[in-house]
C-alpha atoms as a PDB file:
ATOM      1  CA  ASN A   1      -0.058 -19.515  55.228  1.00  0.00           C
ATOM      2  CA  THR A   2      -2.980 -20.710  57.366  1.00  0.00           C
ATOM      3  CA  GLU A   3      -5.012 -17.672  56.313  1.00  0.00           C
ATOM      4  CA  ARG A   4      -4.145 -18.261  52.649  1.00  0.00           C
ATOM      5  CA  CYS A   5      -5.270 -21.903  52.821  1.00  0.00           C
ATOM      6  CA  THR A   6      -8.526 -20.786  54.422  1.00  0.00           C
ATOM      7  CA  ASP A   7      -9.115 -18.280  51.598  1.00  0.00           C
ATOM      8  CA  VAL A   8      -8.512 -20.980  48.981  1.00  0.00           C
ATOM      9  CA  ARG A   9     -10.973 -23.345  50.679  1.00  0.00           C
ATOM     10  CA  ASP A  10     -13.568 -20.557  50.893  1.00  0.00           C
ATOM     11  CA  CYS A  11     -13.165 -19.766  47.182  1.00  0.00           C
ATOM     12  CA  ALA A  12     -13.490 -23.441  46.255  1.00  0.00           C
ATOM     13  CA  ALA A  13     -16.619 -23.665  48.357  1.00  0.00           C
ATOM     14  CA  VAL A  14     -18.113 -20.629  46.599  1.00  0.00           C
ATOM     15  CA  VAL A  15     -17.327 -22.066  43.147  1.00  0.00           C
ATOM     16  CA  GLY A  16     -19.343 -25.145  43.961  1.00  0.00           C
ATOM     17  CA  VAL A  17     -22.442 -23.197  45.070  1.00  0.00           C
ATOM     18  CA  PRO A  18     -25.368 -23.198  42.584  1.00  0.00           C
ATOM     19  CA  ARG A  19     -26.026 -19.931  40.702  1.00  0.00           C
ATOM     20  CA  LYS A  20     -29.471 -19.425  42.261  1.00  0.00           C
ATOM     21  CA  GLN A  21     -28.068 -19.695  45.759  1.00  0.00           C
ATOM     22  CA  LYS A  22     -25.280 -17.219  44.896  1.00  0.00           C
ATOM     23  CA  ASN A  23     -27.858 -14.720  43.631  1.00  0.00           C
ATOM     24  CA  GLU A  24     -29.971 -15.106  46.773  1.00  0.00           C
ATOM     25  CA  THR A  25     -26.921 -14.593  48.959  1.00  0.00           C
ATOM     26  CA  LEU A  26     -25.963 -11.483  47.003  1.00  0.00           C
ATOM     27  CA  ASP A  27     -29.497 -10.080  47.282  1.00  0.00           C
ATOM     28  CA  HIS A  28     -29.389 -10.674  51.040  1.00  0.00           C
ATOM     29  CA  LEU A  29     -26.030  -8.895  51.362  1.00  0.00           C
ATOM     30  CA  ILE A  30     -27.335  -5.909  49.391  1.00  0.00           C
ATOM     31  CA  SER A  31     -30.427  -5.692  51.596  1.00  0.00           C
ATOM     32  CA  LEU A  32     -28.189  -5.551  54.666  1.00  0.00           C
ATOM     33  CA  SER A  33     -25.860  -2.907  53.181  1.00  0.00           C
ATOM     34  CA  GLY A  34     -25.973   0.727  54.093  1.00  0.00           C
ATOM     35  CA  ALA A  35     -25.471   3.773  51.861  1.00  0.00           C
ATOM     36  CA  VAL A  36     -21.680   3.638  52.085  1.00  0.00           C
ATOM     37  CA  GLN A  37     -21.527  -0.005  51.039  1.00  0.00           C
ATOM     38  CA  LEU A  38     -24.032   0.487  48.211  1.00  0.00           C
ATOM     39  CA  ARG A  39     -22.056   3.472  46.902  1.00  0.00           C
ATOM     40  CA  HIS A  40     -18.883   1.388  46.982  1.00  0.00           C
ATOM     41  CA  LEU A  41     -20.642  -1.390  45.053  1.00  0.00           C
ATOM     42  CA  SER A  42     -21.983   1.050  42.470  1.00  0.00           C
ATOM     43  CA  ASN A  43     -18.564   2.597  41.875  1.00  0.00           C
ATOM     44  CA  ASN A  44     -16.925  -0.781  41.272  1.00  0.00           C
ATOM     45  CA  LEU A  45     -19.639  -2.476  39.215  1.00  0.00           C
ATOM     46  CA  GLU A  46     -18.791  -0.650  35.987  1.00  0.00           C
ATOM     47  CA  THR A  47     -15.151  -1.649  36.249  1.00  0.00           C
ATOM     48  CA  LEU A  48     -16.073  -5.275  36.869  1.00  0.00           C
ATOM     49  CA  LEU A  49     -18.600  -5.429  34.024  1.00  0.00           C
ATOM     50  CA  LYS A  50     -16.502  -3.543  31.441  1.00  0.00           C
ATOM     51  CA  ARG A  51     -13.134  -5.168  31.806  1.00  0.00           C
ATOM     52  CA  ASP A  52     -10.763  -4.524  28.882  1.00  0.00           C
ATOM     53  CA  PHE A  53     -10.185  -7.909  27.271  1.00  0.00           C
ATOM     54  CA  LEU A  54      -7.298  -6.582  25.142  1.00  0.00           C
ATOM     55  CA  LYS A  55      -5.460  -5.841  28.384  1.00  0.00           C
ATOM     56  CA  LEU A  56      -6.366  -9.095  30.092  1.00  0.00           C
ATOM     57  CA  LEU A  57      -5.846 -11.575  27.241  1.00  0.00           C
ATOM     58  CA  PRO A  58      -2.448 -12.780  26.013  1.00  0.00           C
ATOM     59  CA  LEU A  59      -1.282 -10.836  22.962  1.00  0.00           C
ATOM     60  CA  GLU A  60      -1.454 -13.890  20.686  1.00  0.00           C
ATOM     61  CA  LEU A  61      -5.091 -14.499  21.625  1.00  0.00           C
ATOM     62  CA  SER A  62      -5.928 -10.826  21.079  1.00  0.00           C
ATOM     63  CA  PHE A  63      -4.393 -11.034  17.580  1.00  0.00           C
ATOM     64  CA  TYR A  64      -6.466 -14.120  16.823  1.00  0.00           C
ATOM     65  CA  LEU A  65      -9.689 -12.348  17.798  1.00  0.00           C
ATOM     66  CA  LEU A  66      -8.779  -9.228  15.809  1.00  0.00           C
ATOM     67  CA  LYS A  67      -8.410 -11.270  12.619  1.00  0.00           C
ATOM     68  CA  TRP A  68     -12.174 -11.741  12.561  1.00  0.00           C
ATOM     69  CA  LEU A  69     -12.851  -8.004  12.288  1.00  0.00           C
ATOM     70  CA  ASP A  70     -12.991  -6.115   8.999  1.00  0.00           C
ATOM     71  CA  PRO A  71     -10.483  -3.266   8.460  1.00  0.00           C
ATOM     72  CA  GLN A  72     -13.037  -0.477   8.907  1.00  0.00           C
ATOM     73  CA  THR A  73     -14.101  -1.901  12.280  1.00  0.00           C
ATOM     74  CA  LEU A  74     -10.445  -2.218  13.284  1.00  0.00           C
ATOM     75  CA  LEU A  75      -9.862   1.456  12.475  1.00  0.00           C
ATOM     76  CA  THR A  76     -12.859   2.344  14.638  1.00  0.00           C
ATOM     77  CA  CYS A  77     -11.478   0.180  17.457  1.00  0.00           C
ATOM     78  CA  CYS A  78      -8.183   2.078  17.245  1.00  0.00           C
ATOM     79  CA  LEU A  79     -10.077   5.119  18.536  1.00  0.00           C
ATOM     80  CA  VAL A  80     -11.220   3.370  21.749  1.00  0.00           C
ATOM     81  CA  SER A  81      -7.993   3.987  23.670  1.00  0.00           C
ATOM     82  CA  LYS A  82      -4.231   4.212  23.306  1.00  0.00           C
ATOM     83  CA  GLN A  83      -3.949   0.614  24.477  1.00  0.00           C
ATOM     84  CA  TRP A  84      -6.349  -0.644  21.801  1.00  0.00           C
ATOM     85  CA  ASN A  85      -4.626   1.396  19.125  1.00  0.00           C
ATOM     86  CA  LYS A  86      -1.244  -0.014  20.181  1.00  0.00           C
ATOM     87  CA  VAL A  87      -2.417  -3.640  20.111  1.00  0.00           C
ATOM     88  CA  ILE A  88      -4.354  -3.358  16.843  1.00  0.00           C
ATOM     89  CA  SER A  89      -1.557  -1.471  15.104  1.00  0.00           C
ATOM     90  CA  ALA A  90       0.899  -4.211  16.124  1.00  0.00           C
ATOM     91  CA  CYS A  91      -1.065  -7.032  14.481  1.00  0.00           C
ATOM     92  CA  THR A  92       0.887  -7.621  11.255  1.00  0.00           C
ATOM     93  CA  GLU A  93      -1.347 -10.364   9.866  1.00  0.00           C
ATOM     94  CA  VAL A  94      -4.450  -8.190  10.144  1.00  0.00           C
ATOM     95  CA  TRP A  95      -3.028  -5.383   8.004  1.00  0.00           C
ATOM     96  CA  GLN A  96      -1.283  -7.694   5.557  1.00  0.00           C
ATOM     97  CA  THR A  97      -4.612  -9.434   4.953  1.00  0.00           C
ATOM     98  CA  ALA A  98      -6.333  -6.067   4.503  1.00  0.00           C
ATOM     99  CA  CYS A  99      -3.758  -5.097   1.858  1.00  0.00           C
ATOM    100  CA  LYS A 100      -4.102  -8.467   0.111  1.00  0.00           C
ATOM    101  CA  ASN A 101      -7.853  -7.952  -0.115  1.00  0.00           C
ATOM    102  CA  LEU A 102      -7.175  -4.702  -1.979  1.00  0.00           C
ATOM    103  CA  GLY A 103      -4.991  -6.552  -4.485  1.00  0.00           C
ATOM    104  CA  TRP A 104      -1.549  -5.701  -3.106  1.00  0.00           C
ATOM    105  CA  GLN A 105       1.346  -8.123  -3.546  1.00  0.00           C
ATOM    106  CA  ILE A 106       2.584  -8.806  -0.013  1.00  0.00           C
ATOM    107  CA  ASP A 107       6.204  -9.408   0.940  1.00  0.00           C
ATOM    108  CA  ASP A 108       5.809 -11.822   3.864  1.00  0.00           C
ATOM    109  CA  SER A 109       9.401 -11.211   4.934  1.00  0.00           C
ATOM    110  CA  LEU A 110       8.481  -7.644   5.909  1.00  0.00           C
ATOM    111  CA  GLN A 111       6.891  -8.195   9.320  1.00  0.00           C
ATOM    112  CA  ASP A 112       6.212  -4.552  10.119  1.00  0.00           C
ATOM    113  CA  ALA A 113       2.585  -4.082  11.118  1.00  0.00           C
ATOM    114  CA  LEU A 114       2.787  -0.284  11.112  1.00  0.00           C
ATOM    115  CA  HIS A 115       4.139  -0.323   7.541  1.00  0.00           C
ATOM    116  CA  TRP A 116       1.241  -2.434   6.262  1.00  0.00           C
ATOM    117  CA  LYS A 117      -1.267  -0.335   8.177  1.00  0.00           C
ATOM    118  CA  LYS A 118       0.098   2.790   6.463  1.00  0.00           C
ATOM    119  CA  VAL A 119      -0.021   1.038   3.075  1.00  0.00           C
ATOM    120  CA  TYR A 120      -3.659   0.136   3.659  1.00  0.00           C
ATOM    121  CA  LEU A 121      -4.624   3.651   4.794  1.00  0.00           C
ATOM    122  CA  LYS A 122      -2.852   5.216   1.815  1.00  0.00           C
ATOM    123  CA  ALA A 123      -4.630   2.841  -0.581  1.00  0.00           C
ATOM    124  CA  ILE A 124      -8.012   3.582   0.974  1.00  0.00           C
ATOM    125  CA  LEU A 125      -7.382   7.324   0.695  1.00  0.00           C
ATOM    126  CA  ARG A 126      -6.413   6.922  -2.964  1.00  0.00           C
ATOM    127  CA  MET A 127      -9.554   4.922  -3.701  1.00  0.00           C
ATOM    128  CA  LYS A 128     -11.654   7.592  -1.982  1.00  0.00           C
ATOM    129  CA  GLN A 129     -10.000  10.270  -4.125  1.00  0.00           C
ATOM    130  CA  LEU A 130     -10.751   8.257  -7.257  1.00  0.00           C
ATOM    131  CA  GLU A 131     -14.396   7.881  -6.274  1.00  0.00           C
ATOM    132  CA  ASP A 132     -14.657  11.625  -5.625  1.00  0.00           C
ATOM    133  CA  HIS A 133     -12.786  12.484  -8.847  1.00  0.00           C
ATOM    134  CA  GLU A 134     -10.109  14.262  -6.823  1.00  0.00           C
ATOM    135  CA  ALA A 135      -7.159  11.970  -7.532  1.00  0.00           C
ATOM    136  CA  PHE A 136      -5.513  13.845 -10.367  1.00  0.00           C
ATOM    137  CA  GLU A 137      -4.689  17.320 -11.581  1.00  0.00           C
ATOM    138  CA  THR A 138      -5.076  17.373 -15.356  1.00  0.00           C
ATOM    139  CA  SER A 139      -3.157  19.425 -17.909  1.00  0.00           C
ATOM    140  CA  SER A 140      -2.346  19.263 -21.609  1.00  0.00           C
ATOM    141  CA  LEU A 141       1.200  19.005 -23.005  1.00  0.00           C
ATOM    142  CA  ILE A 142       1.199  20.677 -26.412  1.00  0.00           C
ATOM    143  CA  GLY A 143       4.182  20.370 -28.764  1.00  0.00           C
ATOM    144  CA  HIS A 144       3.815  17.471 -31.205  1.00  0.00           C
ATOM    145  CA  SER A 145       2.361  18.063 -34.650  1.00  0.00           C
ATOM    146  CA  ALA A 146       1.192  14.485 -35.290  1.00  0.00           C
ATOM    147  CA  ARG A 147      -0.121  11.463 -33.400  1.00  0.00           C
ATOM    148  CA  VAL A 148       1.663  10.463 -30.189  1.00  0.00           C
ATOM    149  CA  TYR A 149       2.369   6.730 -30.199  1.00  0.00           C
ATOM    150  CA  ALA A 150       4.678   6.245 -27.213  1.00  0.00           C
ATOM    151  CA  LEU A 151       4.698   7.336 -23.562  1.00  0.00           C
ATOM    152  CA  TYR A 152       7.106   6.541 -20.730  1.00  0.00           C
ATOM    153  CA  TYR A 153       6.952   8.130 -17.257  1.00  0.00           C
ATOM    154  CA  LYS A 154       9.693   8.101 -14.605  1.00  0.00           C
ATOM    155  CA  ASP A 155      10.529  10.325 -11.611  1.00  0.00           C
ATOM    156  CA  GLY A 156       8.310  13.233 -12.612  1.00  0.00           C
ATOM    157  CA  LEU A 157       9.411  13.200 -16.265  1.00  0.00           C
ATOM    158  CA  LEU A 158       7.319  12.053 -19.228  1.00  0.00           C
ATOM    159  CA  CYS A 159       8.837  11.029 -22.537  1.00  0.00           C
ATOM    160  CA  THR A 160       6.646  11.098 -25.653  1.00  0.00           C
ATOM    161  CA  GLY A 161       7.299   9.707 -29.128  1.00  0.00           C
ATOM    162  CA  SER A 162       5.302  10.896 -32.100  1.00  0.00           C
ATOM    163  CA  ASP A 163       4.529  10.318 -35.776  1.00  0.00           C
ATOM    164  CA  ASP A 164       6.062  13.750 -36.432  1.00  0.00           C
ATOM    165  CA  LEU A 165       9.512  12.073 -36.230  1.00  0.00           C
ATOM    166  CA  SER A 166      10.350  13.563 -32.844  1.00  0.00           C
ATOM    167  CA  ALA A 167      10.611  12.633 -29.191  1.00  0.00           C
ATOM    168  CA  LYS A 168      10.175  15.044 -26.310  1.00  0.00           C
ATOM    169  CA  LEU A 169      10.922  14.956 -22.589  1.00  0.00           C
ATOM    170  CA  TRP A 170       8.485  16.861 -20.365  1.00  0.00           C
ATOM    171  CA  ASP A 171       8.586  18.025 -16.753  1.00  0.00           C
ATOM    172  CA  VAL A 172       5.116  16.915 -15.637  1.00  0.00           C
ATOM    173  CA  SER A 173       4.929  19.324 -12.670  1.00  0.00           C
ATOM    174  CA  THR A 174       5.529  22.426 -14.810  1.00  0.00           C
ATOM    175  CA  GLY A 175       4.330  21.198 -18.233  1.00  0.00           C
ATOM    176  CA  GLN A 176       7.574  22.438 -19.807  1.00  0.00           C
ATOM    177  CA  CYS A 177       9.445  20.586 -22.545  1.00  0.00           C
ATOM    178  CA  VAL A 178      12.944  19.776 -21.247  1.00  0.00           C
ATOM    179  CA  TYR A 179      14.335  18.221 -24.442  1.00  0.00           C
ATOM    180  CA  GLY A 180      13.052  17.825 -27.993  1.00  0.00           C
ATOM    181  CA  ILE A 181      14.987  15.829 -30.588  1.00  0.00           C
ATOM    182  CA  GLN A 182      14.345  14.589 -34.152  1.00  0.00           C
ATOM    183  CA  THR A 183      13.974  10.799 -34.329  1.00  0.00           C
ATOM    184  CA  HIS A 184      12.270   8.145 -36.402  1.00  0.00           C
ATOM    185  CA  THR A 185       8.587   7.349 -35.823  1.00  0.00           C
ATOM    186  CA  CYS A 186       8.582   6.226 -32.190  1.00  0.00           C
ATOM    187  CA  ALA A 187       6.341   3.346 -31.216  1.00  0.00           C
ATOM    188  CA  ALA A 188       8.060   2.822 -27.834  1.00  0.00           C
ATOM    189  CA  VAL A 189      10.424   4.932 -25.725  1.00  0.00           C
ATOM    190  CA  LYS A 190      12.536   4.636 -22.592  1.00  0.00           C
ATOM    191  CA  PHE A 191      15.067   7.070 -21.179  1.00  0.00           C
ATOM    192  CA  ASP A 192      17.538   8.011 -18.468  1.00  0.00           C
ATOM    193  CA  GLU A 193      19.350  11.277 -17.726  1.00  0.00           C
ATOM    194  CA  GLN A 194      21.745  11.006 -20.663  1.00  0.00           C
ATOM    195  CA  LYS A 195      20.050   8.969 -23.366  1.00  0.00           C
ATOM    196  CA  LEU A 196      16.807   7.993 -25.033  1.00  0.00           C
ATOM    197  CA  VAL A 197      16.100   4.540 -26.475  1.00  0.00           C
ATOM    198  CA  THR A 198      13.355   4.289 -29.089  1.00  0.00           C
ATOM    199  CA  GLY A 199      11.656   1.458 -30.981  1.00  0.00           C
ATOM    200  CA  SER A 200      10.257   2.212 -34.408  1.00  0.00           C
ATOM    201  CA  PHE A 201       7.649   0.674 -36.699  1.00  0.00           C
ATOM    202  CA  ASP A 202      10.506  -0.168 -39.122  1.00  0.00           C
ATOM    203  CA  ASN A 203      11.586  -2.871 -36.639  1.00  0.00           C
ATOM    204  CA  THR A 204      14.712  -1.027 -35.495  1.00  0.00           C
ATOM    205  CA  VAL A 205      15.870   0.250 -32.126  1.00  0.00           C
ATOM    206  CA  ALA A 206      17.903   3.447 -31.791  1.00  0.00           C
ATOM    207  CA  CYS A 207      19.788   5.193 -29.013  1.00  0.00           C
ATOM    208  CA  TRP A 208      19.876   8.991 -28.890  1.00  0.00           C
ATOM    209  CA  GLU A 209      21.772  11.550 -26.817  1.00  0.00           C
ATOM    210  CA  TRP A 210      19.548  14.132 -25.131  1.00  0.00           C
ATOM    211  CA  SER A 211      22.112  16.946 -24.958  1.00  0.00           C
ATOM    212  CA  SER A 212      23.093  16.896 -28.655  1.00  0.00           C
ATOM    213  CA  GLY A 213      20.036  15.226 -30.181  1.00  0.00           C
ATOM    214  CA  SER A 214      22.302  12.913 -32.165  1.00  0.00           C
ATOM    215  CA  ARG A 215      21.678   9.222 -32.783  1.00  0.00           C
ATOM    216  CA  THR A 216      24.543   7.329 -31.195  1.00  0.00           C
ATOM    217  CA  GLN A 217      23.474   3.783 -32.053  1.00  0.00           C
ATOM    218  CA  HIS A 218      21.101   2.028 -34.428  1.00  0.00           C
ATOM    219  CA  PHE A 219      20.157  -1.644 -34.051  1.00  0.00           C
ATOM    220  CA  ARG A 220      18.613  -3.924 -36.637  1.00  0.00           C
ATOM    221  CA  GLY A 221      17.693  -7.545 -36.159  1.00  0.00           C
ATOM    222  CA  HIS A 222      13.963  -7.912 -35.487  1.00  0.00           C
ATOM    223  CA  THR A 223      11.731  -9.091 -38.314  1.00  0.00           C
ATOM    224  CA  GLY A 224       8.010  -9.225 -38.968  1.00  0.00           C
ATOM    225  CA  ALA A 225       5.169  -6.777 -39.238  1.00  0.00           C
ATOM    226  CA  GLY A 226       5.831  -3.489 -37.491  1.00  0.00           C
ATOM    227  CA  GLY A 227       2.940  -3.765 -35.050  1.00  0.00           C
ATOM    228  CA  LEU A 228       2.947  -1.634 -31.918  1.00  0.00           C
ATOM    229  CA  ALA A 229       3.149  -4.560 -29.486  1.00  0.00           C
ATOM    230  CA  GLU A 230       6.130  -6.062 -31.313  1.00  0.00           C
ATOM    231  CA  VAL A 231       7.994  -2.777 -31.501  1.00  0.00           C
ATOM    232  CA  GLN A 232       7.394  -2.074 -27.810  1.00  0.00           C
ATOM    233  CA  SER A 233       8.908  -5.455 -27.006  1.00  0.00           C
ATOM    234  CA  GLN A 234      12.074  -4.382 -28.858  1.00  0.00           C
ATOM    235  CA  VAL A 235      12.669  -1.757 -26.187  1.00  0.00           C
ATOM    236  CA  SER A 236      11.593  -3.690 -23.079  1.00  0.00           C
ATOM    237  CA  LEU A 237      12.724  -7.198 -24.166  1.00  0.00           C
ATOM    238  CA  ALA A 238      15.264  -6.325 -26.815  1.00  0.00           C
ATOM    239  CA  GLN A 239      18.065  -8.552 -28.066  1.00  0.00           C
ATOM    240  CA  PRO A 240      21.105  -8.136 -25.769  1.00  0.00           C
ATOM    241  CA  TRP A 241      23.035  -5.547 -27.776  1.00  0.00           C
ATOM    242  CA  ARG A 242      25.563  -3.500 -25.823  1.00  0.00           C
ATOM    243  CA  LEU A 243      24.781   0.201 -25.882  1.00  0.00           C
ATOM    244  CA  HIS A 244      28.221   1.669 -25.349  1.00  0.00           C
ATOM    245  CA  PRO A 245      30.838   0.054 -27.681  1.00  0.00           C
ATOM    246  CA  LEU A 246      28.941   0.325 -30.998  1.00  0.00           C
ATOM    247  CA  LYS A 247      28.685   3.422 -33.160  1.00  0.00           C
ATOM    248  CA  CYS A 248      26.169   4.257 -35.853  1.00  0.00           C
ATOM    249  CA  GLY A 249      28.685   3.738 -38.614  1.00  0.00           C
ATOM    250  CA  GLN A 250      29.412   0.221 -37.407  1.00  0.00           C
ATOM    251  CA  VAL A 251      25.813  -1.052 -37.604  1.00  0.00           C
END
């Protein structure tokens, strides 16, 4: 305890010494040092001068400092060491902000920094592909004999509605037509595994069965000019008709 008190008093005394006097004292000590002492000083100087602040600072303070860096700089900092990568990748606010700046809608309840970092990296990669014209593989789906008015894509399948009074379901990966059925002129289409719902320029909505191609239901009720925007709204914001109890003969 006596030795510890002496050390504390010595440290306090050193703190109060002017900077110039400290430098002069250090210069004097170096001049008195031999090769062994100078080598020891040289080996330890780099460690003292390049201390890792992300290791030494509290995590909250590290996160605060990281918020001032742009995403590209943060990604570069992730390459410094495993420790830096771990700390930077754990900063949720940093990556959420980066995603917001790209236009993403952020769910603040999802506090998973790694998730938002992956979202950001995926978005950046996609943007790079767009800039390099490498984002898409293009192909032509040939089968309609008149203008195609309606498109709806879901889970690798594309539904098309045409002025040739038909609707077709395509497998986008292969370019093959899965189903083709005769309909009215389709201005809007939506589908699931069993059925197709179409909106027509005659202000009607119809439900069709893929397997048989038959029209199972036909709804009337909308009025006005048969513009494309209005007809599309019949499918997406249609009146609340029930699709299963009604039959074509009942409408």
